[in-house]
Amino acid sequence: MLEKVSGTIRFEIVDGKKTERRVVSIDKGDVSVSRKNVRADCTLRADKAVFDRVASGEMNAMAATLRGDLVIEGESELLVAFQRLLPGPPRRRRRRRATTAGRRA
């Protein structure tokens, strides 16, 4: 999935006055995560609730950026590639209609 991707993404997750940082390094498909506070090719800053929704697949990162819920600096292409690793949106079950077939009067 990420065989052709190399770069670093720093996630800045804001929870009130506290900011947690995670750096994801991608080297042609090899992925590692650290808590280092270093420069990265792409930086994503979001409120914890927004980040949790993006990480769970409930919210698309690029759509959240367009709405202003996420701030991305640097190479946004890395985020697009990384998002492939995250779960997709939850499937909605189709409602079944109650049928009268097979019912007796």
PDB file of N, CA and C in Angstrom:
ATOM      1  N   MET A   1       0.800  -1.194   0.000  1.00  0.00           N
ATOM      2  CA  MET A   1       0.000   0.000   0.000  1.00  0.00           C
ATOM      3  C   MET A   1       0.853   1.274   0.000  1.00  0.00           C
ATOM      4  N   LEU A   2       1.921   1.268   0.788  1.00  0.00           N
ATOM      5  CA  LEU A   2       2.775   2.443   0.880  1.00  0.00           C
ATOM      6  C   LEU A   2       4.187   2.162   0.366  1.00  0.00           C
ATOM      7  N   GLU A   3       4.315   1.192  -0.530  1.00  0.00           N
ATOM      8  CA  GLU A   3       5.634   0.786  -1.013  1.00  0.00           C
ATOM      9  C   GLU A   3       6.413   1.919  -1.676  1.00  0.00           C
ATOM     10  N   LYS A   4       5.718   2.871  -2.259  1.00  0.00           N
ATOM     11  CA  LYS A   4       6.380   3.958  -2.984  1.00  0.00           C
ATOM     12  C   LYS A   4       6.407   5.259  -2.187  1.00  0.00           C
ATOM     13  N   VAL A   5       6.048   5.201  -0.906  1.00  0.00           N
ATOM     14  CA  VAL A   5       5.924   6.415  -0.097  1.00  0.00           C
ATOM     15  C   VAL A   5       7.057   6.495   0.921  1.00  0.00           C
ATOM     16  N   SER A   6       7.658   7.677   1.029  1.00  0.00           N
ATOM     17  CA  SER A   6       8.652   7.953   2.063  1.00  0.00           C
ATOM     18  C   SER A   6       8.423   9.364   2.577  1.00  0.00           C
ATOM     19  N   GLY A   7       8.491   9.530   3.889  1.00  0.00           N
ATOM     20  CA  GLY A   7       8.323  10.843   4.492  1.00  0.00           C
ATOM     21  C   GLY A   7       7.912  10.721   5.946  1.00  0.00           C
ATOM     22  N   THR A   8       7.737  11.864   6.591  1.00  0.00           N
ATOM     23  CA  THR A   8       7.333  11.883   7.993  1.00  0.00           C
ATOM     24  C   THR A   8       6.093  12.756   8.169  1.00  0.00           C
ATOM     25  N   ILE A   9       5.218  12.307   9.059  1.00  0.00           N
ATOM     26  CA  ILE A   9       4.002  13.052   9.390  1.00  0.00           C
ATOM     27  C   ILE A   9       3.992  13.251  10.898  1.00  0.00           C
ATOM     28  N   ARG A  10       3.855  14.499  11.335  1.00  0.00           N
ATOM     29  CA  ARG A  10       3.740  14.771  12.773  1.00  0.00           C
ATOM     30  C   ARG A  10       2.282  15.083  13.071  1.00  0.00           C
ATOM     31  N   PHE A  11       1.715  14.338  13.995  1.00  0.00           N
ATOM     32  CA  PHE A  11       0.346  14.566  14.444  1.00  0.00           C
ATOM     33  C   PHE A  11       0.407  15.344  15.749  1.00  0.00           C
ATOM     34  N   GLU A  12      -0.246  16.483  15.791  1.00  0.00           N
ATOM     35  CA  GLU A  12      -0.362  17.282  17.007  1.00  0.00           C
ATOM     36  C   GLU A  12      -1.813  17.204  17.448  1.00  0.00           C
ATOM     37  N   ILE A  13      -2.039  16.473  18.527  1.00  0.00           N
ATOM     38  CA  ILE A  13      -3.392  16.196  18.998  1.00  0.00           C
ATOM     39  C   ILE A  13      -3.655  17.062  20.225  1.00  0.00           C
ATOM     40  N   VAL A  14      -4.591  17.995  20.076  1.00  0.00           N
ATOM     41  CA  VAL A  14      -4.870  18.988  21.119  1.00  0.00           C
ATOM     42  C   VAL A  14      -6.032  18.510  21.976  1.00  0.00           C
ATOM     43  N   ASP A  15      -5.778  18.447  23.296  1.00  0.00           N
ATOM     44  CA  ASP A  15      -6.797  18.040  24.261  1.00  0.00           C
ATOM     45  C   ASP A  15      -6.798  19.087  25.375  1.00  0.00           C
ATOM     46  N   GLY A  16      -7.638  20.106  25.201  1.00  0.00           N
ATOM     47  CA  GLY A  16      -7.645  21.223  26.153  1.00  0.00           C
ATOM     48  C   GLY A  16      -6.366  22.026  26.009  1.00  0.00           C
ATOM     49  N   LYS A  17      -5.609  22.132  27.108  1.00  0.00           N
ATOM     50  CA  LYS A  17      -4.343  22.871  27.071  1.00  0.00           C
ATOM     51  C   LYS A  17      -3.159  21.960  26.752  1.00  0.00           C
ATOM     52  N   LYS A  18      -3.409  20.674  26.666  1.00  0.00           N
ATOM     53  CA  LYS A  18      -2.345  19.688  26.439  1.00  0.00           C
ATOM     54  C   LYS A  18      -2.266  19.328  24.954  1.00  0.00           C
ATOM     55  N   THR A  19      -1.055  19.230  24.423  1.00  0.00           N
ATOM     56  CA  THR A  19      -0.855  18.805  23.043  1.00  0.00           C
ATOM     57  C   THR A  19       0.056  17.585  23.030  1.00  0.00           C
ATOM     58  N   GLU A  20      -0.448  16.479  22.499  1.00  0.00           N
ATOM     59  CA  GLU A  20       0.363  15.268  22.337  1.00  0.00           C
ATOM     60  C   GLU A  20       0.886  15.239  20.915  1.00  0.00           C
ATOM     61  N   ARG A  21       2.116  14.763  20.769  1.00  0.00           N
ATOM     62  CA  ARG A  21       2.715  14.677  19.440  1.00  0.00           C
ATOM     63  C   ARG A  21       3.117  13.245  19.141  1.00  0.00           C
ATOM     64  N   ARG A  22       2.849  12.847  17.915  1.00  0.00           N
ATOM     65  CA  ARG A  22       3.283  11.550  17.405  1.00  0.00           C
ATOM     66  C   ARG A  22       3.892  11.791  16.036  1.00  0.00           C
ATOM     67  N   VAL A  23       5.011  11.170  15.779  1.00  0.00           N
ATOM     68  CA  VAL A  23       5.651  11.277  14.477  1.00  0.00           C
ATOM     69  C   VAL A  23       5.613   9.905  13.822  1.00  0.00           C
ATOM     70  N   VAL A  24       5.014   9.865  12.654  1.00  0.00           N
ATOM     71  CA  VAL A  24       4.935   8.636  11.876  1.00  0.00           C
ATOM     72  C   VAL A  24       5.942   8.756  10.734  1.00  0.00           C
ATOM     73  N   SER A  25       6.873   7.825  10.694  1.00  0.00           N
ATOM     74  CA  SER A  25       7.874   7.802   9.623  1.00  0.00           C
ATOM     75  C   SER A  25       7.524   6.673   8.671  1.00  0.00           C
ATOM     76  N   ILE A  26       7.503   6.982   7.395  1.00  0.00           N
ATOM     77  CA  ILE A  26       7.205   5.989   6.358  1.00  0.00           C
ATOM     78  C   ILE A  26       8.421   5.932   5.443  1.00  0.00           C
ATOM     79  N   ASP A  27       8.956   4.729   5.271  1.00  0.00           N
ATOM     80  CA  ASP A  27      10.113   4.541   4.399  1.00  0.00           C
ATOM     81  C   ASP A  27       9.822   3.386   3.454  1.00  0.00           C
ATOM     82  N   LYS A  28       9.240   3.714   2.316  1.00  0.00           N
ATOM     83  CA  LYS A  28       8.888   2.729   1.289  1.00  0.00           C
ATOM     84  C   LYS A  28       8.128   1.538   1.870  1.00  0.00           C
ATOM     85  N   GLY A  29       7.112   1.867   2.642  1.00  0.00           N
ATOM     86  CA  GLY A  29       6.234   0.838   3.183  1.00  0.00           C
ATOM     87  C   GLY A  29       6.512   0.480   4.629  1.00  0.00           C
ATOM     88  N   ASP A  30       7.705   0.734   5.134  1.00  0.00           N
ATOM     89  CA  ASP A  30       8.009   0.487   6.540  1.00  0.00           C
ATOM     90  C   ASP A  30       7.524   1.681   7.352  1.00  0.00           C
ATOM     91  N   VAL A  31       6.711   1.419   8.378  1.00  0.00           N
ATOM     92  CA  VAL A  31       6.111   2.489   9.168  1.00  0.00           C
ATOM     93  C   VAL A  31       6.575   2.364  10.613  1.00  0.00           C
ATOM     94  N   SER A  32       6.985   3.483  11.195  1.00  0.00           N
ATOM     95  CA  SER A  32       7.337   3.515  12.614  1.00  0.00           C
ATOM     96  C   SER A  32       6.718   4.757  13.240  1.00  0.00           C
ATOM     97  N   VAL A  33       6.482   4.681  14.552  1.00  0.00           N
ATOM     98  CA  VAL A  33       5.845   5.777  15.281  1.00  0.00           C
ATOM     99  C   VAL A  33       6.708   6.126  16.491  1.00  0.00           C
ATOM    100  N   SER A  34       6.857   7.433  16.761  1.00  0.00           N
ATOM    101  CA  SER A  34       7.596   7.868  17.946  1.00  0.00           C
ATOM    102  C   SER A  34       6.902   9.079  18.557  1.00  0.00           C
ATOM    103  N   ARG A  35       7.354   9.454  19.729  1.00  0.00           N
ATOM    104  CA  ARG A  35       6.829  10.639  20.420  1.00  0.00           C
ATOM    105  C   ARG A  35       7.783  11.820  20.295  1.00  0.00           C
ATOM    106  N   LYS A  36       8.756  11.729  19.433  1.00  0.00           N
ATOM    107  CA  LYS A  36       9.744  12.796  19.271  1.00  0.00           C
ATOM    108  C   LYS A  36       9.064  14.075  18.787  1.00  0.00           C
ATOM    109  N   ASN A  37       9.588  15.195  19.234  1.00  0.00           N
ATOM    110  CA  ASN A  37       9.091  16.491  18.787  1.00  0.00           C
ATOM    111  C   ASN A  37      10.090  17.019  17.758  1.00  0.00           C
ATOM    112  N   VAL A  38       9.984  16.496  16.546  1.00  0.00           N
ATOM    113  CA  VAL A  38      10.920  16.855  15.477  1.00  0.00           C
ATOM    114  C   VAL A  38      10.155  17.419  14.296  1.00  0.00           C
ATOM    115  N   ARG A  39      10.896  18.051  13.393  1.00  0.00           N
ATOM    116  CA  ARG A  39      10.281  18.547  12.160  1.00  0.00           C
ATOM    117  C   ARG A  39       9.826  17.362  11.328  1.00  0.00           C
ATOM    118  N   ALA A  40       8.799  17.606  10.534  1.00  0.00           N
ATOM    119  CA  ALA A  40       8.269  16.548   9.677  1.00  0.00           C
ATOM    120  C   ALA A  40       7.923  17.141   8.315  1.00  0.00           C
ATOM    121  N   ASP A  41       7.766  16.266   7.335  1.00  0.00           N
ATOM    122  CA  ASP A  41       7.400  16.704   5.990  1.00  0.00           C
ATOM    123  C   ASP A  41       5.965  17.223   5.945  1.00  0.00           C
ATOM    124  N   CYS A  42       5.122  16.669   6.825  1.00  0.00           N
ATOM    125  CA  CYS A  42       3.715  17.054   6.893  1.00  0.00           C
ATOM    126  C   CYS A  42       3.325  17.112   8.367  1.00  0.00           C
ATOM    127  N   THR A  43       2.659  18.182   8.762  1.00  0.00           N
ATOM    128  CA  THR A  43       2.183  18.308  10.140  1.00  0.00           C
ATOM    129  C   THR A  43       0.674  18.448  10.121  1.00  0.00           C
ATOM    130  N   LEU A  44       0.030  17.654  10.956  1.00  0.00           N
ATOM    131  CA  LEU A  44      -1.426  17.681  11.081  1.00  0.00           C
ATOM    132  C   LEU A  44      -1.747  18.095  12.506  1.00  0.00           C
ATOM    133  N   ARG A  45      -2.589  19.107  12.668  1.00  0.00           N
ATOM    134  CA  ARG A  45      -2.990  19.574  14.003  1.00  0.00           C
ATOM    135  C   ARG A  45      -4.506  19.495  14.090  1.00  0.00           C
ATOM    136  N   ALA A  46      -4.989  18.830  15.156  1.00  0.00           N
ATOM    137  CA  ALA A  46      -6.439  18.665  15.314  1.00  0.00           C
ATOM    138  C   ALA A  46      -6.800  18.491  16.777  1.00  0.00           C
ATOM    139  N   ASP A  47      -8.020  18.840  17.079  1.00  0.00           N
ATOM    140  CA  ASP A  47      -8.599  18.563  18.382  1.00  0.00           C
ATOM    141  C   ASP A  47      -8.691  17.050  18.555  1.00  0.00           C
ATOM    142  N   LYS A  48      -8.546  16.561  19.778  1.00  0.00           N
ATOM    143  CA  LYS A  48      -8.556  15.117  20.032  1.00  0.00           C
ATOM    144  C   LYS A  48      -9.818  14.441  19.503  1.00  0.00           C
ATOM    145  N   ALA A  49     -10.967  15.061  19.678  1.00  0.00           N
ATOM    146  CA  ALA A  49     -12.223  14.458  19.207  1.00  0.00           C
ATOM    147  C   ALA A  49     -12.214  14.298  17.684  1.00  0.00           C
ATOM    148  N   VAL A  50     -11.704  15.287  16.974  1.00  0.00           N
ATOM    149  CA  VAL A  50     -11.614  15.211  15.510  1.00  0.00           C
ATOM    150  C   VAL A  50     -10.614  14.132  15.114  1.00  0.00           C
ATOM    151  N   PHE A  51      -9.452  14.137  15.761  1.00  0.00           N
ATOM    152  CA  PHE A  51      -8.438  13.131  15.451  1.00  0.00           C
ATOM    153  C   PHE A  51      -8.978  11.719  15.662  1.00  0.00           C
ATOM    154  N   ASP A  52      -9.682  11.501  16.761  1.00  0.00           N
ATOM    155  CA  ASP A  52     -10.251  10.179  17.037  1.00  0.00           C
ATOM    156  C   ASP A  52     -11.214   9.747  15.932  1.00  0.00           C
ATOM    157  N   ARG A  53     -12.008  10.676  15.431  1.00  0.00           N
ATOM    158  CA  ARG A  53     -12.955  10.348  14.357  1.00  0.00           C
ATOM    159  C   ARG A  53     -12.228  10.041  13.057  1.00  0.00           C
ATOM    160  N   VAL A  54     -11.146  10.774  12.769  1.00  0.00           N
ATOM    161  CA  VAL A  54     -10.349  10.495  11.565  1.00  0.00           C
ATOM    162  C   VAL A  54      -9.688   9.133  11.699  1.00  0.00           C
ATOM    163  N   ALA A  55      -9.079   8.858  12.850  1.00  0.00           N
ATOM    164  CA  ALA A  55      -8.367   7.594  13.061  1.00  0.00           C
ATOM    165  C   ALA A  55      -9.295   6.390  13.020  1.00  0.00           C
ATOM    166  N   SER A  56     -10.550   6.565  13.418  1.00  0.00           N
ATOM    167  CA  SER A  56     -11.499   5.446  13.417  1.00  0.00           C
ATOM    168  C   SER A  56     -12.193   5.258  12.072  1.00  0.00           C
ATOM    169  N   GLY A  57     -11.970   6.186  11.149  1.00  0.00           N
ATOM    170  CA  GLY A  57     -12.603   6.089   9.840  1.00  0.00           C
ATOM    171  C   GLY A  57     -13.952   6.765   9.754  1.00  0.00           C
ATOM    172  N   GLU A  58     -14.400   7.377  10.833  1.00  0.00           N
ATOM    173  CA  GLU A  58     -15.700   8.055  10.832  1.00  0.00           C
ATOM    174  C   GLU A  58     -15.644   9.383  10.080  1.00  0.00           C
ATOM    175  N   MET A  59     -14.436   9.964   9.936  1.00  0.00           N
ATOM    176  CA  MET A  59     -14.290  11.255   9.282  1.00  0.00           C
ATOM    177  C   MET A  59     -13.104  11.176   8.319  1.00  0.00           C
ATOM    178  N   ASN A  60     -13.264  11.729   7.141  1.00  0.00           N
ATOM    179  CA  ASN A  60     -12.199  11.781   6.160  1.00  0.00           C
ATOM    180  C   ASN A  60     -11.280  12.964   6.473  1.00  0.00           C
ATOM    181  N   ALA A  61      -9.968  12.711   6.508  1.00  0.00           N
ATOM    182  CA  ALA A  61      -9.010  13.752   6.883  1.00  0.00           C
ATOM    183  C   ALA A  61      -9.036  14.934   5.925  1.00  0.00           C
ATOM    184  N   MET A  62      -9.098  14.679   4.644  1.00  0.00           N
ATOM    185  CA  MET A  62      -9.089  15.797   3.689  1.00  0.00           C
ATOM    186  C   MET A  62     -10.387  16.606   3.775  1.00  0.00           C
ATOM    187  N   ALA A  63     -11.513  15.928   3.971  1.00  0.00           N
ATOM    188  CA  ALA A  63     -12.782  16.643   4.133  1.00  0.00           C
ATOM    189  C   ALA A  63     -12.747  17.491   5.404  1.00  0.00           C
ATOM    190  N   ALA A  64     -12.165  16.940   6.476  1.00  0.00           N
ATOM    191  CA  ALA A  64     -12.048  17.693   7.730  1.00  0.00           C
ATOM    192  C   ALA A  64     -11.156  18.917   7.543  1.00  0.00           C
ATOM    193  N   THR A  65     -10.137  18.790   6.704  1.00  0.00           N
ATOM    194  CA  THR A  65      -9.255  19.926   6.413  1.00  0.00           C
ATOM    195  C   THR A  65     -10.017  21.019   5.677  1.00  0.00           C
ATOM    196  N   LEU A  66     -10.809  20.622   4.711  1.00  0.00           N
ATOM    197  CA  LEU A  66     -11.583  21.605   3.951  1.00  0.00           C
ATOM    198  C   LEU A  66     -12.600  22.327   4.829  1.00  0.00           C
ATOM    199  N   ARG A  67     -13.101  21.632   5.855  1.00  0.00           N
ATOM    200  CA  ARG A  67     -14.047  22.254   6.787  1.00  0.00           C
ATOM    201  C   ARG A  67     -13.345  23.097   7.843  1.00  0.00           C
ATOM    202  N   GLY A  68     -12.020  22.976   7.939  1.00  0.00           N
ATOM    203  CA  GLY A  68     -11.271  23.717   8.948  1.00  0.00           C
ATOM    204  C   GLY A  68     -11.137  22.986  10.269  1.00  0.00           C
ATOM    205  N   ASP A  69     -11.555  21.723  10.323  1.00  0.00           N
ATOM    206  CA  ASP A  69     -11.435  20.934  11.555  1.00  0.00           C
ATOM    207  C   ASP A  69     -10.005  20.439  11.771  1.00  0.00           C
ATOM    208  N   LEU A  70      -9.240  20.311  10.704  1.00  0.00           N
ATOM    209  CA  LEU A  70      -7.829  19.908  10.749  1.00  0.00           C
ATOM    210  C   LEU A  70      -7.004  20.979  10.072  1.00  0.00           C
ATOM    211  N   VAL A  71      -5.789  21.146  10.542  1.00  0.00           N
ATOM    212  CA  VAL A  71      -4.853  22.051   9.884  1.00  0.00           C
ATOM    213  C   VAL A  71      -3.679  21.213   9.409  1.00  0.00           C
ATOM    214  N   ILE A  72      -3.364  21.312   8.131  1.00  0.00           N
ATOM    215  CA  ILE A  72      -2.245  20.570   7.557  1.00  0.00           C
ATOM    216  C   ILE A  72      -1.223  21.566   7.029  1.00  0.00           C
ATOM    217  N   GLU A  73       0.030  21.323   7.383  1.00  0.00           N
ATOM    218  CA  GLU A  73       1.134  22.118   6.848  1.00  0.00           C
ATOM    219  C   GLU A  73       2.106  21.166   6.184  1.00  0.00           C
ATOM    220  N   GLY A  74       2.647  21.567   5.067  1.00  0.00           N
ATOM    221  CA  GLY A  74       3.641  20.738   4.391  1.00  0.00           C
ATOM    222  C   GLY A  74       3.017  19.879   3.309  1.00  0.00           C
ATOM    223  N   GLU A  75       3.586  18.717   3.107  1.00  0.00           N
ATOM    224  CA  GLU A  75       3.208  17.824   2.015  1.00  0.00           C
ATOM    225  C   GLU A  75       1.941  17.033   2.340  1.00  0.00           C
ATOM    226  N   SER A  76       0.802  17.571   1.950  1.00  0.00           N
ATOM    227  CA  SER A  76      -0.478  16.920   2.254  1.00  0.00           C
ATOM    228  C   SER A  76      -0.615  15.574   1.540  1.00  0.00           C
ATOM    229  N   GLU A  77       0.173  15.343   0.491  1.00  0.00           N
ATOM    230  CA  GLU A  77       0.117  14.058  -0.220  1.00  0.00           C
ATOM    231  C   GLU A  77       0.462  12.902   0.722  1.00  0.00           C
ATOM    232  N   LEU A  78       1.328  13.164   1.711  1.00  0.00           N
ATOM    233  CA  LEU A  78       1.680  12.115   2.676  1.00  0.00           C
ATOM    234  C   LEU A  78       0.464  11.711   3.496  1.00  0.00           C
ATOM    235  N   LEU A  79      -0.345  12.683   3.877  1.00  0.00           N
ATOM    236  CA  LEU A  79      -1.547  12.374   4.645  1.00  0.00           C
ATOM    237  C   LEU A  79      -2.523  11.553   3.807  1.00  0.00           C
ATOM    238  N   VAL A  80      -2.646  11.893   2.539  1.00  0.00           N
ATOM    239  CA  VAL A  80      -3.532  11.145   1.647  1.00  0.00           C
ATOM    240  C   VAL A  80      -3.065   9.691   1.572  1.00  0.00           C
ATOM    241  N   ALA A  81      -1.754   9.473   1.436  1.00  0.00           N
ATOM    242  CA  ALA A  81      -1.221   8.110   1.375  1.00  0.00           C
ATOM    243  C   ALA A  81      -1.422   7.390   2.700  1.00  0.00           C
ATOM    244  N   PHE A  82      -1.146   8.071   3.814  1.00  0.00           N
ATOM    245  CA  PHE A  82      -1.271   7.459   5.132  1.00  0.00           C
ATOM    246  C   PHE A  82      -2.712   7.079   5.441  1.00  0.00           C
ATOM    247  N   GLN A  83      -3.646   7.872   4.961  1.00  0.00           N
ATOM    248  CA  GLN A  83      -5.060   7.621   5.246  1.00  0.00           C
ATOM    249  C   GLN A  83      -5.504   6.256   4.723  1.00  0.00           C
ATOM    250  N   ARG A  84      -4.789   5.717   3.745  1.00  0.00           N
ATOM    251  CA  ARG A  84      -5.122   4.380   3.236  1.00  0.00           C
ATOM    252  C   ARG A  84      -4.996   3.303   4.306  1.00  0.00           C
ATOM    253  N   LEU A  85      -4.178   3.559   5.330  1.00  0.00           N
ATOM    254  CA  LEU A  85      -3.995   2.588   6.408  1.00  0.00           C
ATOM    255  C   LEU A  85      -5.128   2.631   7.426  1.00  0.00           C
ATOM    256  N   LEU A  86      -5.863   3.724   7.443  1.00  0.00           N
ATOM    257  CA  LEU A  86      -6.938   3.885   8.423  1.00  0.00           C
ATOM    258  C   LEU A  86      -8.193   3.155   7.950  1.00  0.00           C
ATOM    259  N   PRO A  87      -9.037   2.758   8.897  1.00  0.00           N
ATOM    260  CA  PRO A  87     -10.271   2.083   8.481  1.00  0.00           C
ATOM    261  C   PRO A  87     -11.158   2.997   7.653  1.00  0.00           C
ATOM    262  N   GLY A  88     -11.936   2.395   6.794  1.00  0.00           N
ATOM    263  CA  GLY A  88     -12.882   3.154   5.984  1.00  0.00           C
ATOM    264  C   GLY A  88     -14.088   3.545   6.807  1.00  0.00           C
ATOM    265  N   PRO A  89     -14.988   4.320   6.221  1.00  0.00           N
ATOM    266  CA  PRO A  89     -16.184   4.726   6.956  1.00  0.00           C
ATOM    267  C   PRO A  89     -17.020   3.506   7.329  1.00  0.00           C
ATOM    268  N   PRO A  90     -17.674   3.569   8.475  1.00  0.00           N
ATOM    269  CA  PRO A  90     -18.511   2.441   8.877  1.00  0.00           C
ATOM    270  C   PRO A  90     -19.634   2.227   7.867  1.00  0.00           C
ATOM    271  N   ARG A  91     -19.921   0.989   7.617  1.00  0.00           N
ATOM    272  CA  ARG A  91     -21.013   0.676   6.681  1.00  0.00           C
ATOM    273  C   ARG A  91     -22.337   0.839   7.391  1.00  0.00           C
ATOM    274  N   ARG A  92     -23.244   1.373   6.652  1.00  0.00           N
ATOM    275  CA  ARG A  92     -24.590   1.509   7.202  1.00  0.00           C
ATOM    276  C   ARG A  92     -25.417   0.342   6.730  1.00  0.00           C
ATOM    277  N   ARG A  93     -26.166  -0.184   7.628  1.00  0.00           N
ATOM    278  CA  ARG A  93     -27.051  -1.285   7.257  1.00  0.00           C
ATOM    279  C   ARG A  93     -28.295  -0.727   6.601  1.00  0.00           C
ATOM    280  N   ARG A  94     -28.682  -1.396   5.539  1.00  0.00           N
ATOM    281  CA  ARG A  94     -29.931  -0.994   4.887  1.00  0.00           C
ATOM    282  C   ARG A  94     -31.088  -1.492   5.725  1.00  0.00           C
ATOM    283  N   ARG A  95     -32.058  -0.652   5.840  1.00  0.00           N
ATOM    284  CA  ARG A  95     -33.255  -1.056   6.576  1.00  0.00           C
ATOM    285  C   ARG A  95     -34.064  -1.999   5.719  1.00  0.00           C
ATOM    286  N   ARG A  96     -34.537  -3.026   6.325  1.00  0.00           N
ATOM    287  CA  ARG A  96     -35.408  -3.949   5.615  1.00  0.00           C
ATOM    288  C   ARG A  96     -36.846  -3.516   5.821  1.00  0.00           C
ATOM    289  N   ARG A  97     -37.579  -3.614   4.759  1.00  0.00           N
ATOM    290  CA  ARG A  97     -38.993  -3.280   4.861  1.00  0.00           C
ATOM    291  C   ARG A  97     -39.755  -4.496   5.366  1.00  0.00           C
ATOM    292  N   ALA A  98     -40.694  -4.228   6.200  1.00  0.00           N
ATOM    293  CA  ALA A  98     -41.561  -5.308   6.650  1.00  0.00           C
ATOM    294  C   ALA A  98     -42.462  -5.691   5.486  1.00  0.00           C
ATOM    295  N   THR A  99     -42.537  -6.971   5.230  1.00  0.00           N
ATOM    296  CA  THR A  99     -43.399  -7.426   4.138  1.00  0.00           C
ATOM    297  C   THR A  99     -44.570  -8.195   4.696  1.00  0.00           C
ATOM    298  N   THR A 100     -45.609  -8.198   3.936  1.00  0.00           N
ATOM    299  CA  THR A 100     -46.790  -8.945   4.364  1.00  0.00           C
ATOM    300  C   THR A 100     -46.820 -10.323   3.718  1.00  0.00           C
ATOM    301  N   ALA A 101     -45.852 -10.598   2.855  1.00  0.00           N
ATOM    302  CA  ALA A 101     -45.793 -11.902   2.213  1.00  0.00           C
ATOM    303  C   ALA A 101     -45.584 -12.967   3.286  1.00  0.00           C
ATOM    304  N   GLY A 102     -46.332 -14.008   3.206  1.00  0.00           N
ATOM    305  CA  GLY A 102     -46.187 -15.092   4.156  1.00  0.00           C
ATOM    306  C   GLY A 102     -47.024 -14.903   5.406  1.00  0.00           C
ATOM    307  N   ARG A 103     -47.658 -13.767   5.560  1.00  0.00           N
ATOM    308  CA  ARG A 103     -48.514 -13.551   6.716  1.00  0.00           C
ATOM    309  C   ARG A 103     -49.925 -14.028   6.392  1.00  0.00           C
ATOM    310  N   ARG A 104     -50.550 -14.559   7.371  1.00  0.00           N
ATOM    311  CA  ARG A 104     -51.941 -15.006   7.181  1.00  0.00           C
ATOM    312  C   ARG A 104     -52.880 -13.981   7.789  1.00  0.00           C
ATOM    313  N   ALA A 105     -53.998 -13.827   7.147  1.00  0.00           N
ATOM    314  CA  ALA A 105     -54.995 -12.858   7.621  1.00  0.00           C
ATOM    315  C   ALA A 105     -55.768 -13.369   8.782  1.00  0.00           C
TER     316      ALA A 105
END
